[in-house]
C-alpha atoms as a PDB file:
ATOM      1  CA  MET A   1      85.882 119.326 124.222  1.00  0.00           C
ATOM      2  CA  ALA A   2      87.354 121.490 121.422  1.00  0.00           C
ATOM      3  CA  GLY A   3      88.016 124.924 121.918  1.00  0.00           C
ATOM      4  CA  ARG A   4      90.619 127.642 121.179  1.00  0.00           C
ATOM      5  CA  GLY A   5      92.958 126.324 123.887  1.00  0.00           C
ATOM      6  CA  ALA A   6      92.758 122.769 122.320  1.00  0.00           C
ATOM      7  CA  THR A   7      94.404 123.999 119.014  1.00  0.00           C
ATOM      8  CA  MET A   8      97.759 122.567 118.575  1.00  0.00           C
ATOM      9  CA  ARG A   9     100.663 124.765 117.304  1.00  0.00           C
ATOM     10  CA  LEU A  10     104.100 123.840 116.137  1.00  0.00           C
ATOM     11  CA  PRO A  11     106.760 125.520 118.075  1.00  0.00           C
ATOM     12  CA  ARG A  12     108.611 128.031 116.125  1.00  0.00           C
ATOM     13  CA  LEU A  13     112.111 127.046 115.256  1.00  0.00           C
ATOM     14  CA  ASN A  14     114.882 129.032 116.816  1.00  0.00           C
ATOM     15  CA  ASN A  15     116.742 130.289 113.756  1.00  0.00           C
ATOM     16  CA  TYR A  16     119.993 130.481 115.574  1.00  0.00           C
ATOM     17  CA  LEU A  17     119.931 127.024 116.695  1.00  0.00           C
ATOM     18  CA  VAL A  18     118.901 125.606 113.243  1.00  0.00           C
ATOM     19  CA  ALA A  19     121.553 127.647 111.628  1.00  0.00           C
ATOM     20  CA  ASN A  20     124.355 126.287 114.017  1.00  0.00           C
ATOM     21  CA  PHE A  21     123.091 122.805 113.799  1.00  0.00           C
ATOM     22  CA  VAL A  22     123.219 122.949 109.940  1.00  0.00           C
ATOM     23  CA  LEU A  23     126.915 124.362 110.051  1.00  0.00           C
ATOM     24  CA  TRP A  24     128.195 121.810 112.220  1.00  0.00           C
ATOM     25  CA  THR A  25     126.319 118.992 110.473  1.00  0.00           C
ATOM     26  CA  LEU A  26     127.718 120.200 107.079  1.00  0.00           C
ATOM     27  CA  THR A  27     131.231 120.274 108.605  1.00  0.00           C
ATOM     28  CA  TYR A  28     130.969 116.898 110.057  1.00  0.00           C
ATOM     29  CA  VAL A  29     129.698 115.547 106.520  1.00  0.00           C
ATOM     30  CA  ILE A  30     132.333 117.085 104.602  1.00  0.00           C
ATOM     31  CA  VAL A  31     135.316 116.158 106.683  1.00  0.00           C
ATOM     32  CA  THR A  32     133.928 112.433 106.956  1.00  0.00           C
ATOM     33  CA  ALA A  33     133.450 112.323 103.195  1.00  0.00           C
ATOM     34  CA  ARG A  34     136.760 113.634 102.591  1.00  0.00           C
ATOM     35  CA  VAL A  35     138.333 110.638 105.067  1.00  0.00           C
ATOM     36  CA  ALA A  36     136.098 108.144 103.486  1.00  0.00           C
ATOM     37  CA  ALA A  37     137.662 109.095 100.013  1.00  0.00           C
ATOM     38  CA  ASP A  38     140.789 107.852 101.328  1.00  0.00           C
ATOM     39  CA  PRO A  39     140.086 104.908 103.888  1.00  0.00           C
ATOM     40  CA  MET A  40     142.249 104.824 106.918  1.00  0.00           C
ATOM     41  CA  PRO A  41     142.576 102.554 109.852  1.00  0.00           C
ATOM     42  CA  HIS A  42     140.175 102.901 112.854  1.00  0.00           C
ATOM     43  CA  ALA A  43     137.780 104.780 110.611  1.00  0.00           C
ATOM     44  CA  GLY A  44     134.959 104.155 112.995  1.00  0.00           C
ATOM     45  CA  ALA A  45     136.537 105.249 115.938  1.00  0.00           C
ATOM     46  CA  MET A  46     137.437 108.404 114.122  1.00  0.00           C
ATOM     47  CA  ALA A  47     133.972 109.117 113.104  1.00  0.00           C
ATOM     48  CA  TRP A  48     132.750 108.947 116.540  1.00  0.00           C
ATOM     49  CA  ARG A  49     135.532 111.322 117.851  1.00  0.00           C
ATOM     50  CA  ARG A  50     134.786 113.732 115.047  1.00  0.00           C
ATOM     51  CA  LEU A  51     131.025 113.658 116.027  1.00  0.00           C
ATOM     52  CA  GLY A  52     132.188 114.620 119.647  1.00  0.00           C
ATOM     53  CA  MET A  53     134.120 117.607 118.049  1.00  0.00           C
ATOM     54  CA  ALA A  54     131.189 118.652 116.156  1.00  0.00           C
ATOM     55  CA  ILE A  55     129.114 118.807 119.191  1.00  0.00           C
ATOM     56  CA  PHE A  56     131.715 120.849 120.933  1.00  0.00           C
ATOM     57  CA  GLY A  57     131.748 123.165 117.900  1.00  0.00           C
ATOM     58  CA  PHE A  58     127.868 123.365 118.232  1.00  0.00           C
ATOM     59  CA  LEU A  59     127.989 124.319 121.859  1.00  0.00           C
ATOM     60  CA  ALA A  60     131.089 126.859 121.488  1.00  0.00           C
ATOM     61  CA  CYS A  61     129.076 128.680 118.836  1.00  0.00           C
ATOM     62  CA  LEU A  62     126.032 128.753 120.978  1.00  0.00           C
ATOM     63  CA  LEU A  63     128.368 130.424 123.515  1.00  0.00           C
ATOM     64  CA  VAL A  64     129.558 132.829 120.990  1.00  0.00           C
ATOM     65  CA  GLY A  65     125.966 133.907 120.198  1.00  0.00           C
ATOM     66  CA  ARG A  66     125.070 134.508 123.881  1.00  0.00           C
ATOM     67  CA  ILE A  67     128.150 136.805 124.010  1.00  0.00           C
ATOM     68  CA  LEU A  68     127.107 138.652 120.729  1.00  0.00           C
ATOM     69  CA  SER A  69     123.620 139.084 122.051  1.00  0.00           C
ATOM     70  CA  ALA A  70     124.810 140.400 125.230  1.00  0.00           C
ATOM     71  CA  LEU A  71     126.645 143.124 123.415  1.00  0.00           C
ATOM     72  CA  ALA A  72     123.503 143.898 121.099  1.00  0.00           C
ATOM     73  CA  GLU A  73     123.357 147.507 122.280  1.00  0.00           C
ATOM     74  CA  GLN A  74     126.763 148.222 121.435  1.00  0.00           C
ATOM     75  CA  PRO A  75     128.190 149.761 118.119  1.00  0.00           C
ATOM     76  CA  ILE A  76     128.409 147.460 115.084  1.00  0.00           C
ATOM     77  CA  TRP A  77     132.139 147.988 115.060  1.00  0.00           C
ATOM     78  CA  ARG A  78     132.704 146.901 118.480  1.00  0.00           C
ATOM     79  CA  ARG A  79     130.567 143.888 117.905  1.00  0.00           C
ATOM     80  CA  LEU A  80     132.522 142.943 114.562  1.00  0.00           C
ATOM     81  CA  VAL A  81     135.882 143.098 116.716  1.00  0.00           C
ATOM     82  CA  VAL A  82     134.496 140.824 119.228  1.00  0.00           C
ATOM     83  CA  ALA A  83     133.107 138.541 116.720  1.00  0.00           C
ATOM     84  CA  VAL A  84     136.644 138.307 115.241  1.00  0.00           C
ATOM     85  CA  LEU A  85     138.466 137.844 118.631  1.00  0.00           C
ATOM     86  CA  LEU A  86     135.938 135.003 119.604  1.00  0.00           C
ATOM     87  CA  SER A  87     136.647 133.242 116.169  1.00  0.00           C
ATOM     88  CA  VAL A  88     140.472 133.419 116.756  1.00  0.00           C
ATOM     89  CA  ILE A  89     139.894 131.960 120.244  1.00  0.00           C
ATOM     90  CA  GLY A  90     137.326 129.314 119.014  1.00  0.00           C
ATOM     91  CA  GLY A  91     139.770 128.491 116.305  1.00  0.00           C
ATOM     92  CA  PHE A  92     142.484 127.735 118.529  1.00  0.00           C
ATOM     93  CA  THR A  93     140.423 126.328 121.298  1.00  0.00           C
ATOM     94  CA  TYR A  94     138.774 123.689 118.781  1.00  0.00           C
ATOM     95  CA  SER A  95     142.114 122.860 117.230  1.00  0.00           C
ATOM     96  CA  TYR A  96     143.799 122.127 120.379  1.00  0.00           C
ATOM     97  CA  LEU A  97     140.779 119.884 121.843  1.00  0.00           C
ATOM     98  CA  ASN A  98     140.951 118.223 118.394  1.00  0.00           C
ATOM     99  CA  TYR A  99     144.669 117.253 118.964  1.00  0.00           C
ATOM    100  CA  VAL A 100     143.721 115.889 122.303  1.00  0.00           C
ATOM    101  CA  VAL A 101     140.704 113.988 121.283  1.00  0.00           C
ATOM    102  CA  PHE A 102     142.341 112.231 118.437  1.00  0.00           C
ATOM    103  CA  TYR A 103     146.062 111.963 119.518  1.00  0.00           C
ATOM    104  CA  LEU A 104     146.298 112.102 123.449  1.00  0.00           C
ATOM    105  CA  VAL A 105     143.155 110.445 124.835  1.00  0.00           C
ATOM    106  CA  ALA A 106     143.447 106.516 123.868  1.00  0.00           C
ATOM    107  CA  PRO A 107     145.632 107.331 120.877  1.00  0.00           C
ATOM    108  CA  LEU A 108     145.128 105.256 117.836  1.00  0.00           C
ATOM    109  CA  TRP A 109     148.507 105.573 116.630  1.00  0.00           C
ATOM    110  CA  ARG A 110     151.680 107.541 117.690  1.00  0.00           C
ATOM    111  CA  VAL A 111     152.245 110.989 116.665  1.00  0.00           C
ATOM    112  CA  GLU A 112     154.614 113.864 116.946  1.00  0.00           C
ATOM    113  CA  PRO A 113     153.934 116.228 119.809  1.00  0.00           C
ATOM    114  CA  LEU A 114     151.714 119.210 118.708  1.00  0.00           C
ATOM    115  CA  SER A 115     154.007 122.260 117.392  1.00  0.00           C
ATOM    116  CA  PRO A 116     152.820 125.883 117.477  1.00  0.00           C
ATOM    117  CA  ILE A 117     153.030 125.813 113.749  1.00  0.00           C
ATOM    118  CA  SER A 118     150.714 123.009 113.483  1.00  0.00           C
ATOM    119  CA  LEU A 119     148.407 124.545 115.957  1.00  0.00           C
ATOM    120  CA  ALA A 120     148.199 127.718 114.311  1.00  0.00           C
ATOM    121  CA  PHE A 121     147.778 126.039 110.815  1.00  0.00           C
ATOM    122  CA  THR A 122     144.935 123.893 112.007  1.00  0.00           C
ATOM    123  CA  ALA A 123     143.348 126.906 113.992  1.00  0.00           C
ATOM    124  CA  SER A 124     143.326 128.871 110.794  1.00  0.00           C
ATOM    125  CA  MET A 125     141.117 126.399 109.151  1.00  0.00           C
ATOM    126  CA  PHE A 126     138.565 126.435 112.131  1.00  0.00           C
ATOM    127  CA  PHE A 127     138.814 130.075 112.315  1.00  0.00           C
ATOM    128  CA  TRP A 128     136.619 130.424 109.172  1.00  0.00           C
ATOM    129  CA  THR A 129     134.218 128.126 110.617  1.00  0.00           C
ATOM    130  CA  PHE A 130     133.589 130.307 113.608  1.00  0.00           C
ATOM    131  CA  ILE A 131     133.778 133.295 111.297  1.00  0.00           C
ATOM    132  CA  ALA A 132     130.879 131.726 109.037  1.00  0.00           C
ATOM    133  CA  TRP A 133     128.956 131.135 112.197  1.00  0.00           C
ATOM    134  CA  CYS A 134     129.170 134.956 113.338  1.00  0.00           C
ATOM    135  CA  ALA A 135     128.294 135.988 109.866  1.00  0.00           C
ATOM    136  CA  LEU A 136     125.140 133.693 109.968  1.00  0.00           C
ATOM    137  CA  TYR A 137     124.416 135.206 113.395  1.00  0.00           C
ATOM    138  CA  PHE A 138     124.592 138.958 112.277  1.00  0.00           C
ATOM    139  CA  ALA A 139     122.418 138.227 109.153  1.00  0.00           C
ATOM    140  CA  ILE A 140     119.836 136.369 111.204  1.00  0.00           C
ATOM    141  CA  ARG A 141     119.873 139.147 113.781  1.00  0.00           C
ATOM    142  CA  TYR A 142     119.468 141.805 111.048  1.00  0.00           C
ATOM    143  CA  GLU A 143     116.536 139.891 109.608  1.00  0.00           C
ATOM    144  CA  GLU A 144     114.835 139.598 112.920  1.00  0.00           C
ATOM    145  CA  GLU A 145     115.300 143.150 113.851  1.00  0.00           C
ATOM    146  CA  LEU A 146     113.990 144.331 110.434  1.00  0.00           C
ATOM    147  CA  LYS A 147     110.715 142.189 111.134  1.00  0.00           C
ATOM    148  CA  GLU A 148     110.462 143.573 114.571  1.00  0.00           C
ATOM    149  CA  LYS A 149     110.816 147.027 113.198  1.00  0.00           C
ATOM    150  CA  ASN A 150     108.153 146.557 110.579  1.00  0.00           C
ATOM    151  CA  LEU A 151     105.738 145.071 113.193  1.00  0.00           C
ATOM    152  CA  ARG A 152     106.309 147.721 115.618  1.00  0.00           C
ATOM    153  CA  LEU A 153     105.636 150.254 112.802  1.00  0.00           C
ATOM    154  CA  VAL A 154     102.132 148.531 111.871  1.00  0.00           C
ATOM    155  CA  ALA A 155     101.482 148.222 115.593  1.00  0.00           C
ATOM    156  CA  ALA A 156     102.306 151.772 116.099  1.00  0.00           C
ATOM    157  CA  GLN A 157      99.895 152.891 113.198  1.00  0.00           C
ATOM    158  CA  ALA A 158      97.083 150.924 114.405  1.00  0.00           C
ATOM    159  CA  LEU A 159      97.713 152.319 117.912  1.00  0.00           C
ATOM    160  CA  ALA A 160      97.892 155.986 116.727  1.00  0.00           C
ATOM    161  CA  MET A 161      94.441 155.586 115.065  1.00  0.00           C
ATOM    162  CA  ASP A 162      93.343 153.739 118.339  1.00  0.00           C
ATOM    163  CA  ALA A 163      94.788 156.891 120.341  1.00  0.00           C
ATOM    164  CA  GLN A 164      92.578 159.040 117.919  1.00  0.00           C
ATOM    165  CA  ASN A 165      89.517 156.849 118.728  1.00  0.00           C
ATOM    166  CA  ARG A 166      90.172 157.161 122.280  1.00  0.00           C
ATOM    167  CA  MET A 167      90.564 160.833 122.388  1.00  0.00           C
ATOM    168  CA  LEU A 168      87.238 161.410 120.557  1.00  0.00           C
ATOM    169  CA  ARG A 169      85.562 158.973 123.177  1.00  0.00           C
ATOM    170  CA  TYR A 170      87.260 160.095 126.501  1.00  0.00           C
ATOM    171  CA  GLN A 171      88.809 163.437 125.677  1.00  0.00           C
ATOM    172  CA  ILE A 172      86.412 165.290 123.183  1.00  0.00           C
ATOM    173  CA  ASN A 173      83.398 163.801 125.057  1.00  0.00           C
ATOM    174  CA  PRO A 174      79.965 165.175 125.808  1.00  0.00           C
ATOM    175  CA  HIS A 175      81.040 166.501 128.960  1.00  0.00           C
ATOM    176  CA  PHE A 176      83.639 168.542 127.584  1.00  0.00           C
ATOM    177  CA  LEU A 177      81.517 169.818 124.486  1.00  0.00           C
ATOM    178  CA  PHE A 178      78.878 170.460 127.210  1.00  0.00           C
ATOM    179  CA  ASN A 179      81.126 172.629 129.289  1.00  0.00           C
ATOM    180  CA  THR A 180      82.383 174.526 126.004  1.00  0.00           C
ATOM    181  CA  LEU A 181      78.729 175.211 125.052  1.00  0.00           C
ATOM    182  CA  ASN A 182      77.680 176.356 128.286  1.00  0.00           C
ATOM    183  CA  ALA A 183      80.762 178.717 128.629  1.00  0.00           C
ATOM    184  CA  LEU A 184      79.851 180.004 125.219  1.00  0.00           C
ATOM    185  CA  SER A 185      76.211 180.526 126.285  1.00  0.00           C
ATOM    186  CA  SER A 186      77.338 182.443 129.456  1.00  0.00           C
ATOM    187  CA  LEU A 187      79.556 184.769 127.066  1.00  0.00           C
ATOM    188  CA  ILE A 188      76.738 185.503 124.809  1.00  0.00           C
ATOM    189  CA  LEU A 189      74.450 186.180 127.472  1.00  0.00           C
ATOM    190  CA  ALA A 190      77.026 188.676 129.001  1.00  0.00           C
ATOM    191  CA  LYS A 191      77.417 190.048 125.523  1.00  0.00           C
ATOM    192  CA  GLU A 192      81.120 189.246 125.296  1.00  0.00           C
ATOM    193  CA  ASN A 193      80.740 188.715 121.571  1.00  0.00           C
ATOM    194  CA  GLU A 194      84.578 188.776 120.987  1.00  0.00           C
ATOM    195  CA  ARG A 195      85.585 186.173 123.497  1.00  0.00           C
ATOM    196  CA  ALA A 196      82.497 183.970 122.216  1.00  0.00           C
ATOM    197  CA  GLU A 197      83.950 184.233 118.818  1.00  0.00           C
ATOM    198  CA  ARG A 198      87.558 183.199 119.805  1.00  0.00           C
ATOM    199  CA  VAL A 199      85.988 180.137 121.539  1.00  0.00           C
ATOM    200  CA  VAL A 200      84.012 179.239 118.597  1.00  0.00           C
ATOM    201  CA  LEU A 201      87.117 179.629 116.360  1.00  0.00           C
ATOM    202  CA  SER A 202      89.311 177.688 118.787  1.00  0.00           C
ATOM    203  CA  LEU A 203      86.632 174.880 119.005  1.00  0.00           C
ATOM    204  CA  SER A 204      86.504 174.746 115.066  1.00  0.00           C
ATOM    205  CA  SER A 205      90.298 174.534 114.702  1.00  0.00           C
ATOM    206  CA  PHE A 206      90.927 172.043 117.526  1.00  0.00           C
ATOM    207  CA  LEU A 207      88.061 169.651 116.074  1.00  0.00           C
ATOM    208  CA  ARG A 208      89.371 170.148 112.589  1.00  0.00           C
ATOM    209  CA  HIS A 209      92.959 169.021 113.937  1.00  0.00           C
ATOM    210  CA  THR A 210      91.799 166.044 115.787  1.00  0.00           C
ATOM    211  CA  LEU A 211      88.911 164.814 113.313  1.00  0.00           C
ATOM    212  CA  GLU A 212      91.473 164.449 110.472  1.00  0.00           C
ATOM    213  CA  LYS A 213      90.651 161.269 108.875  1.00  0.00           C
ATOM    214  CA  GLU A 214      94.445 160.200 108.248  1.00  0.00           C
ATOM    215  CA  LEU A 215      96.318 161.552 111.219  1.00  0.00           C
ATOM    216  CA  PRO A 216     100.097 160.871 110.653  1.00  0.00           C
ATOM    217  CA  ASP A 217     102.147 158.912 113.301  1.00  0.00           C
ATOM    218  CA  LYS A 218     104.554 161.840 113.716  1.00  0.00           C
ATOM    219  CA  ALA A 219     103.781 165.406 113.055  1.00  0.00           C
ATOM    220  CA  PRO A 220     106.030 168.790 113.196  1.00  0.00           C
ATOM    221  CA  LEU A 221     106.069 170.067 116.882  1.00  0.00           C
ATOM    222  CA  SER A 222     104.427 173.306 115.730  1.00  0.00           C
ATOM    223  CA  ASP A 223     101.381 171.577 114.540  1.00  0.00           C
ATOM    224  CA  GLU A 224     101.237 169.587 118.147  1.00  0.00           C
ATOM    225  CA  ILE A 225     101.543 172.849 119.956  1.00  0.00           C
ATOM    226  CA  GLU A 226      98.990 174.511 118.022  1.00  0.00           C
ATOM    227  CA  ALA A 227      96.382 171.762 118.755  1.00  0.00           C
ATOM    228  CA  GLN A 228      97.211 172.057 122.493  1.00  0.00           C
ATOM    229  CA  ARG A 229      96.941 175.900 122.252  1.00  0.00           C
ATOM    230  CA  GLN A 230      93.376 175.745 120.610  1.00  0.00           C
ATOM    231  CA  TYR A 231      92.338 173.243 123.133  1.00  0.00           C
ATOM    232  CA  LEU A 232      93.590 175.302 126.410  1.00  0.00           C
ATOM    233  CA  LEU A 233      92.090 178.404 124.768  1.00  0.00           C
ATOM    234  CA  ILE A 234      88.580 176.442 124.931  1.00  0.00           C
ATOM    235  CA  GLU A 235      89.363 175.706 128.561  1.00  0.00           C
ATOM    236  CA  GLN A 236      90.102 179.282 129.298  1.00  0.00           C
ATOM    237  CA  ALA A 237      86.610 180.279 128.489  1.00  0.00           C
ATOM    238  CA  ARG A 238      85.454 177.803 131.005  1.00  0.00           C
ATOM    239  CA  PHE A 239      87.991 178.590 133.850  1.00  0.00           C
ATOM    240  CA  GLU A 240      88.503 182.132 132.980  1.00  0.00           C
ATOM    241  CA  ASP A 241      91.306 183.744 135.164  1.00  0.00           C
ATOM    242  CA  ARG A 242      91.888 180.293 136.905  1.00  0.00           C
ATOM    243  CA  LEU A 243      93.727 179.034 133.876  1.00  0.00           C
ATOM    244  CA  ASN A 244      96.983 180.614 132.508  1.00  0.00           C
ATOM    245  CA  TYR A 245      98.956 179.024 129.693  1.00  0.00           C
ATOM    246  CA  VAL A 246     102.638 179.223 128.902  1.00  0.00           C
ATOM    247  CA  GLU A 247     104.585 177.667 126.222  1.00  0.00           C
ATOM    248  CA  THR A 248     108.433 177.559 125.996  1.00  0.00           C
ATOM    249  CA  ILE A 249     109.149 176.273 122.588  1.00  0.00           C
ATOM    250  CA  PRO A 250     112.395 177.227 120.848  1.00  0.00           C
ATOM    251  CA  ALA A 251     112.217 178.277 117.479  1.00  0.00           C
ATOM    252  CA  GLU A 252     114.569 175.691 116.083  1.00  0.00           C
ATOM    253  CA  LEU A 253     112.476 172.791 117.588  1.00  0.00           C
ATOM    254  CA  ARG A 254     109.291 173.656 115.846  1.00  0.00           C
ATOM    255  CA  ASP A 255     110.115 171.481 112.882  1.00  0.00           C
ATOM    256  CA  ALA A 256     110.951 168.440 115.433  1.00  0.00           C
ATOM    257  CA  LEU A 257     108.823 165.640 114.942  1.00  0.00           C
ATOM    258  CA  ALA A 258     106.572 164.157 117.536  1.00  0.00           C
ATOM    259  CA  PRO A 259     103.923 161.568 117.721  1.00  0.00           C
ATOM    260  CA  SER A 260     100.710 163.011 116.676  1.00  0.00           C
ATOM    261  CA  LEU A 261      98.499 164.005 119.901  1.00  0.00           C
ATOM    262  CA  ILE A 262     101.022 162.688 122.329  1.00  0.00           C
ATOM    263  CA  LEU A 263     100.792 165.746 124.503  1.00  0.00           C
ATOM    264  CA  GLN A 264      96.815 165.792 124.482  1.00  0.00           C
ATOM    265  CA  PRO A 265      96.545 163.325 127.587  1.00  0.00           C
ATOM    266  CA  LEU A 266      99.215 165.116 129.455  1.00  0.00           C
ATOM    267  CA  VAL A 267      97.453 168.512 128.766  1.00  0.00           C
ATOM    268  CA  GLU A 268      94.139 167.098 129.621  1.00  0.00           C
ATOM    269  CA  ASN A 269      95.559 165.565 133.047  1.00  0.00           C
ATOM    270  CA  ALA A 270      96.848 169.166 133.856  1.00  0.00           C
ATOM    271  CA  VAL A 271      93.372 170.752 133.379  1.00  0.00           C
ATOM    272  CA  LYS A 272      91.671 167.884 135.013  1.00  0.00           C
ATOM    273  CA  TYR A 273      93.757 167.595 138.175  1.00  0.00           C
ATOM    274  CA  GLY A 274      95.533 171.048 138.369  1.00  0.00           C
ATOM    275  CA  VAL A 275      92.932 173.458 137.452  1.00  0.00           C
ATOM    276  CA  ALA A 276      89.597 171.955 138.236  1.00  0.00           C
ATOM    277  CA  ARG A 277      90.902 170.930 141.554  1.00  0.00           C
ATOM    278  CA  SER A 278      92.149 174.441 142.536  1.00  0.00           C
ATOM    279  CA  ASN A 279      90.375 177.476 143.443  1.00  0.00           C
ATOM    280  CA  ALA A 280      93.520 179.647 142.923  1.00  0.00           C
ATOM    281  CA  PRO A 281      94.924 180.554 139.317  1.00  0.00           C
ATOM    282  CA  VAL A 282      96.665 177.798 137.812  1.00  0.00           C
ATOM    283  CA  THR A 283      99.576 177.981 135.280  1.00  0.00           C
ATOM    284  CA  ILE A 284     100.054 175.168 132.595  1.00  0.00           C
ATOM    285  CA  GLU A 285     103.312 175.252 131.139  1.00  0.00           C
ATOM    286  CA  ILE A 286     104.353 173.005 127.745  1.00  0.00           C
ATOM    287  CA  LYS A 287     108.197 173.170 127.338  1.00  0.00           C
ATOM    288  CA  ALA A 288     110.414 171.713 124.723  1.00  0.00           C
ATOM    289  CA  GLU A 289     114.173 171.237 124.810  1.00  0.00           C
ATOM    290  CA  ALA A 290     116.866 169.305 123.051  1.00  0.00           C
ATOM    291  CA  ALA A 291     120.085 167.842 124.074  1.00  0.00           C
ATOM    292  CA  GLY A 292     122.411 165.117 122.869  1.00  0.00           C
ATOM    293  CA  GLY A 293     120.114 164.143 120.258  1.00  0.00           C
ATOM    294  CA  ARG A 294     117.168 163.854 122.459  1.00  0.00           C
ATOM    295  CA  LEU A 295     113.755 165.899 122.496  1.00  0.00           C
ATOM    296  CA  LYS A 296     112.099 166.391 125.787  1.00  0.00           C
ATOM    297  CA  LEU A 297     108.458 167.712 126.037  1.00  0.00           C
ATOM    298  CA  THR A 298     107.151 168.681 129.235  1.00  0.00           C
ATOM    299  CA  VAL A 299     103.620 169.690 130.481  1.00  0.00           C
ATOM    300  CA  ALA A 300     103.680 171.119 134.072  1.00  0.00           C
ATOM    301  CA  ASP A 301     101.089 172.779 136.059  1.00  0.00           C
ATOM    302  CA  ASP A 302     101.314 174.669 139.512  1.00  0.00           C
ATOM    303  CA  GLY A 303      97.719 173.506 140.671  1.00  0.00           C
ATOM    304  CA  ALA A 304      96.425 171.161 143.256  1.00  0.00           C
ATOM    305  CA  ASP A 305      99.112 168.864 145.261  1.00  0.00           C
ATOM    306  CA  GLY A 306     100.072 165.673 143.968  1.00  0.00           C
ATOM    307  CA  ALA A 307      97.866 163.438 146.205  1.00  0.00           C
ATOM    308  CA  GLY A 308      96.188 160.882 144.317  1.00  0.00           C
ATOM    309  CA  LEU A 309      97.671 161.808 141.094  1.00  0.00           C
ATOM    310  CA  PRO A 310      98.902 159.236 138.649  1.00  0.00           C
ATOM    311  CA  SER A 311     102.747 158.430 138.613  1.00  0.00           C
ATOM    312  CA  THR A 312     104.849 156.533 136.219  1.00  0.00           C
ATOM    313  CA  ALA A 313     104.286 153.308 138.156  1.00  0.00           C
ATOM    314  CA  LYS A 314     100.550 153.635 138.080  1.00  0.00           C
ATOM    315  CA  LEU A 315      99.420 155.146 135.002  1.00  0.00           C
ATOM    316  CA  GLY A 316      95.770 156.455 133.945  1.00  0.00           C
ATOM    317  CA  LEU A 317      94.048 155.444 130.935  1.00  0.00           C
ATOM    318  CA  GLY A 318      95.427 158.338 129.020  1.00  0.00           C
ATOM    319  CA  LEU A 319      98.941 158.112 130.273  1.00  0.00           C
ATOM    320  CA  GLU A 320      99.078 154.303 129.712  1.00  0.00           C
ATOM    321  CA  ASN A 321      98.198 155.044 125.998  1.00  0.00           C
ATOM    322  CA  VAL A 322     101.065 157.449 125.785  1.00  0.00           C
ATOM    323  CA  ARG A 323     103.450 154.828 127.299  1.00  0.00           C
ATOM    324  CA  ARG A 324     102.438 152.225 124.925  1.00  0.00           C
ATOM    325  CA  ARG A 325     102.593 154.445 121.942  1.00  0.00           C
ATOM    326  CA  LEU A 326     106.111 155.553 122.680  1.00  0.00           C
ATOM    327  CA  GLU A 327     107.043 151.899 123.343  1.00  0.00           C
ATOM    328  CA  LEU A 328     105.678 150.722 120.066  1.00  0.00           C
ATOM    329  CA  ILE A 329     107.036 153.884 117.922  1.00  0.00           C
ATOM    330  CA  TYR A 330     110.648 154.095 119.670  1.00  0.00           C
ATOM    331  CA  GLY A 331     111.161 150.913 121.602  1.00  0.00           C
ATOM    332  CA  LYS A 332     113.472 151.440 124.592  1.00  0.00           C
ATOM    333  CA  THR A 333     114.707 154.802 123.180  1.00  0.00           C
ATOM    334  CA  ALA A 334     111.838 156.572 124.647  1.00  0.00           C
ATOM    335  CA  GLU A 335     110.589 157.466 128.113  1.00  0.00           C
ATOM    336  CA  LEU A 336     107.524 158.814 129.973  1.00  0.00           C
ATOM    337  CA  THR A 337     107.911 160.193 133.405  1.00  0.00           C
ATOM    338  CA  CYS A 338     105.456 161.925 135.587  1.00  0.00           C
ATOM    339  CA  GLY A 339     104.743 162.728 139.138  1.00  0.00           C
ATOM    340  CA  PRO A 340     104.110 165.572 141.630  1.00  0.00           C
ATOM    341  CA  ILE A 341     106.541 168.561 141.968  1.00  0.00           C
ATOM    342  CA  GLN A 342     107.181 170.922 144.933  1.00  0.00           C
ATOM    343  CA  PRO A 343     105.728 172.730 146.510  1.00  0.00           C
ATOM    344  CA  HIS A 344     102.562 171.882 144.555  1.00  0.00           C
ATOM    345  CA  GLY A 345     101.664 170.750 141.134  1.00  0.00           C
ATOM    346  CA  PHE A 346     102.345 168.034 138.758  1.00  0.00           C
ATOM    347  CA  LEU A 347     104.776 167.411 135.699  1.00  0.00           C
ATOM    348  CA  ALA A 348     104.534 164.758 132.976  1.00  0.00           C
ATOM    349  CA  SER A 349     107.439 164.689 130.340  1.00  0.00           C
ATOM    350  CA  VAL A 350     107.925 162.659 127.325  1.00  0.00           C
ATOM    351  CA  GLU A 351     111.524 162.022 126.245  1.00  0.00           C
ATOM    352  CA  ILE A 352     112.185 160.896 122.590  1.00  0.00           C
ATOM    353  CA  PRO A 353     114.976 160.857 119.813  1.00  0.00           C
ATOM    354  CA  LEU A 354     115.323 164.040 117.990  1.00  0.00           C
ATOM    355  CA  GLU A 355     114.124 163.981 114.412  1.00  0.00           C
ATOM    356  CA  ARG A 356     113.393 166.689 111.973  1.00  0.00           C
ATOM    357  CA  ALA A 357     110.648 166.979 109.398  1.00  0.00           C
END
């Protein structure tokens, strides 16, 4: 029975293996052709031994590649130094083993003992073979990282639009609008026209921001804070004195870049779990701080205790979307942490590289 699972796909070739194989195949062919141009006794036996050395060189380069891969997070200068050192070691090791294979194991003719000068001369030639492999390794890795970065950028753009759609479906949902309109109705009946007007303006500003057709992947922190401020002003009309809002945003960080609407799920969680579940006044604080080239954004509330609230290990829909967006935009350089705080309340924080608009 034919189906999607029956579709045969050729496995993708490993670029490192292919480059390594081509390098040592060419080395073997070139050396063999050079020897063939000047026929020597025991040419067949030498060809087999030369093949064995090419296989050793292939395996040695695999080991060099593994070591360089393990150092992928290190600065480029350190990796280059390691590459040169490994090439020196590889050249000397290959040269000495070459001498053993050709002249010590079942020797085909008598030769003089290997001198340090001869070993160094031969090693210098094979040193460039290993250097060539390291250059190929760095070129392939750079190409793959560039492709991965482009794929992550495309995926991040798609997920940013998906986050906007999720926000429209789950965060600005009919329930939210109903509560807002109900609060407006109460204010109008109570003839609190000034407060009602502020709620209408806040709702208009918030919807204008979140309904933009082309929401940027990253926006200045000042824009993100303004959107959350309008959202909380609307919620204040619903909860009145039970909701207090504090923001601690240093002036020098207002031009820092953050993913658009990245704080919205965190703020909504604080309202949903902190304010709505508490009968006492609750303060929601949005805080930004920078250190060591990193930007940390925190949303904290002092509402209900943390029982049953999401944690980093078990995220809700909104927080999971935040985590996915951070991973796609920043890779391993971003972090989402959340959990209850003592004596009561909840904290969620996003830590990303510090970038400026």
